[in-house]
Amino acid sequence: MASQESNLKKVLGLGDVMSISIGQIIGAGVMALTGIAIGMTGSGVSLAFVISSIFTLFMVIPIAAMGSAIPTTGGLYRYTSRLLSPKVGFFWLTLFILAQLTLAMYAISFAEYVQGLVPNAPLKLIAFLLLTVFYIANLVGVHFAALVEKLMVLVLLLALIVFVVWGMPEVNYAVFNSSEMFSGGFGGFFMAVGLLSFATGGAQVIAELGGEMKNPGRDIPLTIITTTLGVGILYAFMATIAAGVLPIADVANKPLTDVAKTILPKPLFIFFMVGGAMFALATTLNATLSWVTKGIMIACEDGWLPKSLGKVNKKFGTPHWLLTLFYVIGVIPIVTGLSLGIISALGTGVFLLANMIPVFAATKLPKKHPELYQAAPFKLPPMVLNTVVYIGIALLFFQGYLLMSSLSMPIIIGTIVYIVAAAAYVMIVGKKITHDPGHFGFGGHIDTIENPKENIGV
């Protein structure tokens, strides 16, 4: 039976990948967390955003290094299962699946912003329709979904730039002094840095799309690094306005909408709310559906799940059954009315903690496949790479712990039960898994890693 991966289409250029990455990074975080960070550190929030972007690089550079050396479909699963072990790889994937409850978070948050403009709008129906629209867009092809993403990202960036252009002349720069920039002390400042990393992360997910990129070895690290830093700088400008236009006490622990109302005329305020806040959520939802299926598709090929579940539609080049699976995962919290706070804390917390595993896998790459690592367009000396990895793991643990510790005990116990059941499944089914852990995919084909020059056409 031919690999379903061969039915994927290599259609994504650098612009497509950049749009997906920007859409993934820019979400509701900047709208909601900026005010909370101001409450922690006052006008130091701008510097906190810059440093949080640098800290985020520690969490994503290991993925960039693996993506440059071994661009493949379902990168995080493949790197984990091939560089660590098949069982560890699928265990990570079970945690990843649970984390996709956040699909509902994006849709529900979007619907809440709609209610902010139209108070009587039906929240559940709007969230359901938004998720359905992007499910269909991704069902008919990743290229079409990427085109939709490009258009939305352009509007999103324009809305954020409008906020910056109108706001910068209104800033009182006198508030950016040592006492008001560290109003909560250095402890409060670094708490803000950790919190804001939730808003600056996300670029690493484009490693899932290596098999559908035209030039993945170059585009994966270039996109991850430039979009993480670029969006972080944009956030810093927005935070400068948030902290410098109104008194700190008036904006601490408040959303950006309060500042936007002050600096923008009503038509531009509405544009900012729709094109900025709402499109930030829409682009993240659409981007997630474009990459979320890839790892589990490869796991189906590996034998962890039925191969038919990972079937790729030959006409559209999309894994339609898996897209439907994640669509259902997103719909269930919407129709059951699960709390947005629970969805966001559980989904994001599990995602951050789980990602410690593929980040650690990067330490094995220079040892196991030195030829590919040395030939990669982007690489670090092994000692530097290992240092980055361990700093990244510490930051992921810190952020994940912050979120998970906010959950109620029944939710924590339920999560532990899920993890134990997943581990049991891995131990039982893992006895039957026979795939060669030395095989990666290049451009939709399964190639033997031991012959890199032959496999990648060097």
Protein backbone atom coordinates (compact mmCIF):
# COMPACT_ATOMS: atom_id res chain seq x y z
CA MET A 1 0.00 0.00 0.00
CA ALA A 2 1.46 3.37 -1.02
CA SER A 3 2.08 5.93 1.66
CA GLN A 4 -0.74 8.44 2.06
CA GLU A 5 1.97 11.07 2.51
CA SER A 6 2.72 10.82 -1.21
CA ASN A 7 -0.73 12.32 -1.91
CA LEU A 8 0.15 15.58 -0.15
CA LYS A 9 1.05 18.43 -2.49
CA LYS A 10 4.22 20.57 -2.28
CA VAL A 11 2.49 23.90 -2.82
CA LEU A 12 3.59 26.11 0.09
CA GLY A 13 6.08 28.90 -0.63
CA LEU A 14 7.79 31.20 1.86
CA GLY A 15 4.91 33.70 1.79
CA ASP A 16 2.38 30.97 2.56
CA VAL A 17 4.43 29.64 5.45
CA MET A 18 5.06 33.14 6.84
CA SER A 19 1.31 33.84 6.79
CA ILE A 20 0.52 30.58 8.57
CA SER A 21 3.16 31.29 11.22
CA ILE A 22 2.06 34.90 11.81
CA GLY A 23 -1.56 33.79 11.96
CA GLN A 24 -0.62 31.13 14.50
CA ILE A 25 1.35 33.51 16.73
CA ILE A 26 -1.02 36.49 16.74
CA GLY A 27 -4.03 35.42 18.75
CA ALA A 28 -6.14 36.75 21.59
CA GLY A 29 -3.09 36.73 23.86
CA VAL A 30 -1.92 40.23 22.98
CA MET A 31 -5.44 41.60 23.47
CA ALA A 32 -6.03 40.02 26.87
CA LEU A 33 -2.57 39.55 28.40
CA THR A 34 -1.06 42.99 27.78
CA GLY A 35 -3.19 44.59 30.50
CA ILE A 36 -2.45 41.77 32.93
CA ALA A 37 1.28 42.21 32.30
CA ILE A 38 0.95 45.96 32.91
CA GLY A 39 -0.53 45.08 36.28
CA MET A 40 2.60 43.03 37.03
CA THR A 41 5.30 45.40 35.80
CA GLY A 42 3.76 48.74 34.78
CA SER A 43 5.31 50.39 31.73
CA GLY A 44 8.00 47.69 31.64
CA VAL A 45 5.51 45.65 29.60
CA SER A 46 7.15 46.78 26.33
CA LEU A 47 10.55 45.44 27.39
CA ALA A 48 8.84 42.32 28.74
CA PHE A 49 7.40 41.58 25.28
CA VAL A 50 10.84 41.89 23.66
CA ILE A 51 12.47 39.60 26.22
CA SER A 52 9.59 37.12 26.03
CA SER A 53 10.18 36.86 22.26
CA ILE A 54 13.84 36.12 22.92
CA PHE A 55 12.87 33.51 25.52
CA THR A 56 10.41 32.01 23.01
CA LEU A 57 13.30 31.54 20.59
CA PHE A 58 14.85 29.12 23.10
CA MET A 59 11.69 27.03 22.82
CA VAL A 60 11.44 27.11 19.01
CA ILE A 61 15.04 27.11 17.76
CA PRO A 62 15.46 23.37 18.51
CA ILE A 63 12.43 22.71 16.28
CA ALA A 64 13.88 25.04 13.64
CA ALA A 65 17.16 23.09 13.69
CA MET A 66 15.40 19.75 13.21
CA GLY A 67 13.12 21.22 10.55
CA SER A 68 16.10 22.54 8.61
CA ALA A 69 18.05 19.26 8.79
CA ILE A 70 15.08 16.92 8.30
CA PRO A 71 12.07 18.73 6.78
CA THR A 72 9.18 16.33 6.90
CA THR A 73 5.44 15.98 7.32
CA GLY A 74 4.25 15.80 10.92
CA GLY A 75 7.61 17.07 12.12
CA LEU A 76 7.10 17.12 15.89
CA TYR A 77 5.77 13.54 15.95
CA ARG A 78 8.42 12.26 13.56
CA TYR A 79 11.31 13.94 15.34
CA THR A 80 10.12 12.54 18.68
CA SER A 81 9.42 9.02 17.46
CA ARG A 82 12.57 8.71 15.32
CA LEU A 83 15.10 10.51 17.50
CA LEU A 84 13.83 9.25 20.89
CA SER A 85 11.62 6.17 20.43
CA PRO A 86 8.37 5.15 18.68
CA LYS A 87 6.57 4.78 22.03
CA VAL A 88 7.64 8.19 23.28
CA GLY A 89 6.59 9.67 19.93
CA PHE A 90 3.05 8.32 20.07
CA PHE A 91 2.71 9.16 23.77
CA TRP A 92 3.54 12.76 22.88
CA LEU A 93 0.90 12.61 20.15
CA THR A 94 -1.81 11.51 22.61
CA LEU A 95 -1.06 14.62 24.70
CA PHE A 96 -1.06 16.72 21.54
CA ILE A 97 -4.55 15.45 20.64
CA LEU A 98 -5.91 16.45 24.08
CA ALA A 99 -4.38 19.91 23.65
CA GLN A 100 -6.47 20.52 20.54
CA LEU A 101 -9.41 21.46 22.73
CA THR A 102 -8.01 24.94 22.01
CA LEU A 103 -9.74 24.79 18.61
CA ALA A 104 -12.92 25.53 20.51
CA MET A 105 -11.18 28.32 22.46
CA TYR A 106 -10.41 30.28 19.30
CA ALA A 107 -13.96 29.88 17.96
CA ILE A 108 -15.67 30.78 21.26
CA SER A 109 -13.39 33.80 21.83
CA PHE A 110 -14.19 35.01 18.31
CA ALA A 111 -17.91 34.71 19.06
CA GLU A 112 -17.45 36.70 22.29
CA TYR A 113 -15.90 39.57 20.31
CA VAL A 114 -18.88 39.42 17.94
CA GLN A 115 -21.16 39.75 20.97
CA GLY A 116 -19.13 42.81 21.99
CA LEU A 117 -20.29 44.47 18.76
CA VAL A 118 -23.69 42.76 18.50
CA PRO A 119 -24.82 41.95 22.07
CA ASN A 120 -27.65 39.59 21.07
CA ALA A 121 -25.55 37.49 18.68
CA PRO A 122 -25.83 33.72 19.43
CA LEU A 123 -22.41 32.71 20.83
CA LYS A 124 -22.57 28.94 20.25
CA LEU A 125 -23.91 29.29 16.72
CA ILE A 126 -21.24 31.80 15.68
CA ALA A 127 -18.45 29.66 17.17
CA PHE A 128 -19.83 26.56 15.43
CA LEU A 129 -20.16 28.33 12.06
CA LEU A 130 -16.62 29.77 12.24
CA LEU A 131 -15.11 26.38 12.99
CA THR A 132 -17.18 24.82 10.19
CA VAL A 133 -16.08 27.42 7.62
CA PHE A 134 -12.39 26.84 8.30
CA TYR A 135 -12.87 23.09 8.43
CA ILE A 136 -14.31 23.23 4.89
CA ALA A 137 -11.58 25.63 3.71
CA ASN A 138 -8.88 23.21 4.85
CA LEU A 139 -10.80 20.22 3.53
CA VAL A 140 -10.58 21.49 -0.07
CA GLY A 141 -6.81 21.95 0.05
CA VAL A 142 -3.93 23.40 2.03
CA HIS A 143 -3.17 25.86 -0.80
CA PHE A 144 -6.70 27.31 -0.61
CA ALA A 145 -6.48 27.47 3.19
CA ALA A 146 -3.10 29.23 2.89
CA LEU A 147 -4.60 31.77 0.47
CA VAL A 148 -7.42 32.49 2.95
CA GLU A 149 -4.79 32.81 5.68
CA LYS A 150 -2.73 35.29 3.63
CA LEU A 151 -5.71 37.57 3.09
CA MET A 152 -6.76 37.46 6.75
CA VAL A 153 -3.19 38.04 7.97
CA LEU A 154 -2.90 41.12 5.74
CA VAL A 155 -6.08 42.56 7.28
CA LEU A 156 -4.90 41.58 10.76
CA LEU A 157 -1.52 43.28 10.36
CA LEU A 158 -3.17 46.38 8.90
CA ALA A 159 -5.50 46.60 11.92
CA LEU A 160 -2.60 46.30 14.37
CA ILE A 161 -0.56 48.87 12.42
CA VAL A 162 -3.53 51.27 12.56
CA PHE A 163 -3.50 50.88 16.35
CA VAL A 164 0.24 51.64 16.45
CA VAL A 165 0.16 54.59 14.02
CA TRP A 166 -2.76 56.30 15.80
CA GLY A 167 -1.45 55.49 19.25
CA MET A 168 2.26 56.38 19.17
CA PRO A 169 1.71 60.19 18.97
CA GLU A 170 -0.51 59.93 22.07
CA VAL A 171 2.08 58.18 24.26
CA ASN A 172 3.38 59.91 27.37
CA TYR A 173 6.98 58.70 27.33
CA ALA A 174 7.60 60.08 30.81
CA VAL A 175 6.09 56.88 32.27
CA PHE A 176 8.98 54.85 30.90
CA ASN A 177 11.31 55.39 33.85
CA SER A 178 12.98 52.87 36.13
CA SER A 179 10.38 53.08 38.91
CA GLU A 180 7.31 52.73 36.70
CA MET A 181 8.90 50.14 34.37
CA PHE A 182 9.49 47.79 37.30
CA SER A 183 6.56 48.66 39.52
CA GLY A 184 6.31 45.05 40.67
CA GLY A 185 10.06 44.64 41.13
CA PHE A 186 12.17 42.26 39.10
CA GLY A 187 9.98 39.38 40.25
CA GLY A 188 6.91 41.01 38.75
CA PHE A 189 8.82 41.83 35.58
CA PHE A 190 9.91 38.25 34.95
CA MET A 191 6.44 36.94 35.82
CA ALA A 192 5.18 39.24 33.05
CA VAL A 193 7.87 37.91 30.69
CA GLY A 194 6.72 34.34 31.36
CA LEU A 195 3.06 35.23 30.95
CA LEU A 196 3.64 37.05 27.65
CA SER A 197 5.44 34.05 26.19
CA PHE A 198 1.94 32.63 25.71
CA ALA A 199 1.38 35.44 23.20
CA THR A 200 4.74 35.23 21.41
CA GLY A 201 4.89 31.46 20.85
CA GLY A 202 3.46 29.32 18.05
CA ALA A 203 5.81 29.62 15.08
CA GLN A 204 7.26 26.13 15.62
CA VAL A 205 4.09 24.48 14.31
CA ILE A 206 5.08 25.14 10.70
CA ALA A 207 7.55 22.24 11.10
CA GLU A 208 4.44 20.06 10.69
CA LEU A 209 4.14 21.18 7.06
CA GLY A 210 7.64 20.33 5.80
CA GLY A 211 6.31 17.78 3.33
CA GLU A 212 4.09 20.40 1.68
CA MET A 213 6.71 23.16 1.35
CA LYS A 214 8.68 23.96 -1.78
CA ASN A 215 11.91 24.78 0.10
CA PRO A 216 11.43 23.55 3.69
CA GLY A 217 15.10 23.34 4.74
CA ARG A 218 15.40 27.10 4.29
CA ASP A 219 11.84 28.23 5.01
CA ILE A 220 11.25 26.43 8.33
CA PRO A 221 14.07 28.07 10.35
CA LEU A 222 13.76 31.39 8.50
CA THR A 223 10.04 31.59 9.22
CA ILE A 224 10.27 30.45 12.84
CA ILE A 225 12.96 32.96 13.80
CA THR A 226 11.80 36.01 11.80
CA THR A 227 8.11 35.76 12.66
CA THR A 228 8.78 35.18 16.37
CA LEU A 229 11.00 38.26 16.60
CA GLY A 230 8.94 40.36 14.19
CA VAL A 231 5.64 39.78 15.97
CA GLY A 232 7.36 40.35 19.32
CA ILE A 233 8.55 43.79 18.18
CA LEU A 234 5.06 44.65 16.91
CA TYR A 235 3.65 43.60 20.29
CA ALA A 236 6.20 45.84 22.04
CA PHE A 237 4.95 48.87 20.09
CA MET A 238 1.35 47.99 20.97
CA ALA A 239 2.31 47.57 24.63
CA THR A 240 4.03 50.97 24.62
CA ILE A 241 0.73 52.53 23.58
CA ALA A 242 -1.23 50.45 26.09
CA ALA A 243 0.98 51.62 28.97
CA GLY A 244 1.65 55.18 27.82
CA VAL A 245 -1.67 56.67 26.71
CA LEU A 246 -3.87 56.28 29.80
CA PRO A 247 -2.77 56.22 33.46
CA ILE A 248 -1.26 52.86 34.44
CA ALA A 249 -3.98 52.31 37.04
CA ASP A 250 -6.66 52.65 34.34
CA VAL A 251 -5.18 50.03 32.01
CA ALA A 252 -3.71 47.49 34.45
CA ASN A 253 -5.49 44.14 34.11
CA LYS A 254 -7.73 45.54 31.35
CA PRO A 255 -7.99 44.44 27.68
CA LEU A 256 -6.55 46.55 24.87
CA THR A 257 -10.04 47.53 23.80
CA ASP A 258 -10.14 50.29 26.44
CA VAL A 259 -7.05 51.97 24.98
CA ALA A 260 -8.30 51.44 21.42
CA LYS A 261 -11.53 53.30 22.25
CA THR A 262 -9.45 56.25 23.46
CA ILE A 263 -7.10 56.63 20.50
CA LEU A 264 -9.21 55.49 17.53
CA PRO A 265 -12.22 57.16 15.90
CA LYS A 266 -15.25 54.88 15.94
CA PRO A 267 -14.90 53.50 12.36
CA LEU A 268 -11.27 52.60 13.00
CA PHE A 269 -12.14 51.17 16.42
CA ILE A 270 -14.63 48.83 14.77
CA PHE A 271 -12.02 47.91 12.14
CA PHE A 272 -9.52 47.21 14.93
CA MET A 273 -11.99 45.01 16.78
CA VAL A 274 -12.91 43.04 13.65
CA GLY A 275 -9.65 43.04 11.72
CA GLY A 276 -7.45 42.93 14.80
CA ALA A 277 -9.07 41.08 17.69
CA MET A 278 -11.44 38.85 15.72
CA PHE A 279 -9.10 38.13 12.82
CA ALA A 280 -6.32 37.29 15.31
CA LEU A 281 -8.49 34.42 16.50
CA ALA A 282 -9.70 33.46 13.03
CA THR A 283 -6.17 33.27 11.60
CA THR A 284 -5.00 31.11 14.50
CA LEU A 285 -7.93 28.74 14.05
CA ASN A 286 -7.40 28.46 10.29
CA ALA A 287 -3.64 28.01 10.69
CA THR A 288 -4.13 25.29 13.29
CA LEU A 289 -6.41 23.27 11.02
CA SER A 290 -3.79 23.49 8.25
CA TRP A 291 -1.14 21.61 10.26
CA VAL A 292 -2.89 19.82 13.12
CA THR A 293 -3.53 16.55 11.23
CA LYS A 294 -0.01 15.86 9.99
CA GLY A 295 1.52 14.07 12.95
CA ILE A 296 -1.42 11.73 13.49
CA MET A 297 -1.49 10.98 9.74
CA ILE A 298 2.09 9.69 9.99
CA ALA A 299 1.20 7.76 13.17
CA CYS A 300 -1.51 5.98 11.17
CA GLU A 301 1.14 5.02 8.61
CA ASP A 302 3.31 3.75 11.46
CA GLY A 303 0.52 1.45 12.68
CA TRP A 304 -0.48 3.17 15.91
CA LEU A 305 -3.98 3.81 14.53
CA PRO A 306 -5.96 2.37 11.58
CA LYS A 307 -4.31 3.36 8.29
CA SER A 308 -7.71 4.23 6.82
CA LEU A 309 -8.06 7.04 9.38
CA GLY A 310 -5.07 8.80 7.84
CA LYS A 311 -6.24 8.51 4.23
CA VAL A 312 -5.44 11.56 2.07
CA ASN A 313 -7.98 12.72 -0.50
CA LYS A 314 -6.26 12.46 -3.91
CA LYS A 315 -8.23 15.34 -5.41
CA PHE A 316 -7.60 17.91 -2.68
CA GLY A 317 -4.48 16.44 -1.08
CA THR A 318 -5.93 16.69 2.44
CA PRO A 319 -6.47 14.03 5.16
CA HIS A 320 -10.24 14.37 5.27
CA TRP A 321 -10.99 11.86 8.04
CA LEU A 322 -8.43 13.40 10.38
CA LEU A 323 -9.66 16.91 9.65
CA THR A 324 -13.14 15.67 10.54
CA LEU A 325 -11.79 14.14 13.77
CA PHE A 326 -10.26 17.44 14.89
CA TYR A 327 -13.37 19.30 13.77
CA VAL A 328 -15.40 17.10 16.14
CA ILE A 329 -12.84 17.67 18.94
CA GLY A 330 -13.37 21.41 18.45
CA VAL A 331 -17.16 21.20 18.22
CA ILE A 332 -17.74 19.17 21.41
CA PRO A 333 -16.68 21.92 23.89
CA ILE A 334 -18.74 24.45 21.91
CA VAL A 335 -22.01 22.52 21.98
CA THR A 336 -21.54 21.31 25.59
CA GLY A 337 -20.81 24.82 26.86
CA LEU A 338 -17.47 23.96 28.48
CA SER A 339 -15.93 26.97 30.21
CA LEU A 340 -13.53 29.02 28.09
CA GLY A 341 -11.19 29.27 31.06
CA ILE A 342 -10.98 25.49 31.39
CA ILE A 343 -10.50 24.99 27.65
CA SER A 344 -7.68 27.53 27.40
CA ALA A 345 -5.81 26.54 30.57
CA LEU A 346 -6.08 22.78 29.94
CA GLY A 347 -5.41 22.83 26.20
CA THR A 348 -2.54 25.33 26.29
CA GLY A 349 -1.03 23.90 29.48
CA VAL A 350 -0.93 20.35 28.12
CA PHE A 351 0.49 21.62 24.80
CA LEU A 352 3.34 23.48 26.53
CA LEU A 353 4.26 20.59 28.82
CA ALA A 354 4.03 18.03 26.00
CA ASN A 355 6.33 20.08 23.78
CA MET A 356 9.20 19.53 26.19
CA ILE A 357 9.50 16.09 24.55
CA PRO A 358 10.14 17.11 20.90
CA VAL A 359 12.36 19.99 22.06
CA PHE A 360 14.50 17.45 23.96
CA ALA A 361 14.63 15.26 20.85
CA ALA A 362 16.80 17.92 19.18
CA THR A 363 19.72 16.91 21.43
CA LYS A 364 19.85 13.53 19.64
CA LEU A 365 20.01 14.91 16.09
CA PRO A 366 23.75 15.76 15.84
CA LYS A 367 24.69 12.36 17.31
CA LYS A 368 22.30 10.13 15.40
CA HIS A 369 22.44 11.87 12.01
CA PRO A 370 25.58 14.02 11.86
CA GLU A 371 25.64 14.10 8.03
CA LEU A 372 22.17 15.61 7.79
CA TYR A 373 22.86 18.00 10.64
CA GLN A 374 26.07 19.29 9.06
CA ALA A 375 24.37 19.69 5.66
CA ALA A 376 21.43 21.67 7.13
CA PRO A 377 21.00 25.32 6.05
CA PHE A 378 20.48 26.23 9.72
CA LYS A 379 22.42 24.65 12.57
CA LEU A 380 24.12 25.43 15.88
CA PRO A 381 27.20 23.85 17.47
CA PRO A 382 25.93 20.81 19.42
CA MET A 383 26.90 22.30 22.80
CA VAL A 384 25.04 25.53 22.00
CA LEU A 385 22.04 23.56 20.73
CA ASN A 386 21.92 21.53 23.96
CA THR A 387 22.08 24.69 26.07
CA VAL A 388 19.21 26.21 24.09
CA VAL A 389 17.22 22.99 24.49
CA TYR A 390 17.53 22.86 28.28
CA ILE A 391 16.65 26.53 28.67
CA GLY A 392 13.65 25.96 26.37
CA ILE A 393 12.48 22.96 28.41
CA ALA A 394 12.69 24.97 31.63
CA LEU A 395 10.62 27.78 30.10
CA LEU A 396 8.02 25.36 28.73
CA PHE A 397 7.69 23.70 32.13
CA PHE A 398 7.31 27.07 33.87
CA GLN A 399 4.57 28.25 31.51
CA GLY A 400 2.76 24.89 31.47
CA TYR A 401 2.82 24.68 35.26
CA LEU A 402 1.35 28.19 35.58
CA LEU A 403 -1.63 27.19 33.46
CA MET A 404 -2.21 23.67 34.78
CA SER A 405 -2.01 24.79 38.43
CA SER A 406 -4.95 27.10 37.80
CA LEU A 407 -7.28 24.16 37.05
CA SER A 408 -9.69 22.60 39.52
CA MET A 409 -8.81 19.27 41.12
CA PRO A 410 -11.46 17.27 39.18
CA ILE A 411 -10.04 18.55 35.86
CA ILE A 412 -6.49 17.71 36.97
CA ILE A 413 -7.56 14.20 38.04
CA GLY A 414 -9.37 13.70 34.73
CA THR A 415 -6.23 14.77 32.85
CA ILE A 416 -4.12 12.31 34.87
CA VAL A 417 -6.59 9.51 34.06
CA TYR A 418 -6.32 10.39 30.35
CA ILE A 419 -2.50 10.34 30.54
CA VAL A 420 -2.47 6.96 32.32
CA ALA A 421 -4.87 5.50 29.73
CA ALA A 422 -2.71 6.90 26.91
CA ALA A 423 0.42 5.37 28.46
CA ALA A 424 -1.34 2.00 28.76
CA TYR A 425 -2.40 2.15 25.10
CA VAL A 426 1.17 2.97 24.09
CA MET A 427 2.59 0.03 26.05
CA ILE A 428 0.04 -2.45 24.67
CA VAL A 429 -0.09 -1.37 21.02
CA GLY A 430 3.63 -0.52 20.99
CA LYS A 431 4.49 -4.21 21.15
CA LYS A 432 3.11 -4.60 17.61
CA ILE A 433 4.78 -1.55 16.07
CA THR A 434 7.45 -2.58 13.60
CA HIS A 435 8.21 0.63 11.67
CA ASP A 436 11.86 1.46 11.23
CA PRO A 437 12.71 4.36 13.58
CA GLY A 438 15.43 5.40 11.13
CA HIS A 439 12.95 6.46 8.47
CA PHE A 440 11.84 10.04 7.88
CA GLY A 441 9.75 11.51 5.08
CA PHE A 442 11.16 13.90 2.51
CA GLY A 443 8.76 15.65 0.22
CA GLY A 444 6.06 13.05 0.61
CA HIS A 445 8.26 9.96 0.38
CA ILE A 446 9.65 7.69 3.07
CA ASP A 447 13.42 7.59 2.72
CA THR A 448 16.17 5.90 4.67
CA ILE A 449 18.03 8.40 6.76
CA GLU A 450 21.28 6.50 6.58
CA ASN A 451 21.83 7.62 2.96
CA PRO A 452 21.15 11.38 3.18
CA LYS A 453 22.78 12.41 -0.09
CA GLU A 454 20.73 9.93 -2.05
CA ASN A 455 17.52 10.79 -0.23
CA ILE A 456 17.55 14.58 -0.50
CA GLY A 457 18.99 14.83 -3.95
CA VAL A 458 22.38 16.26 -2.95
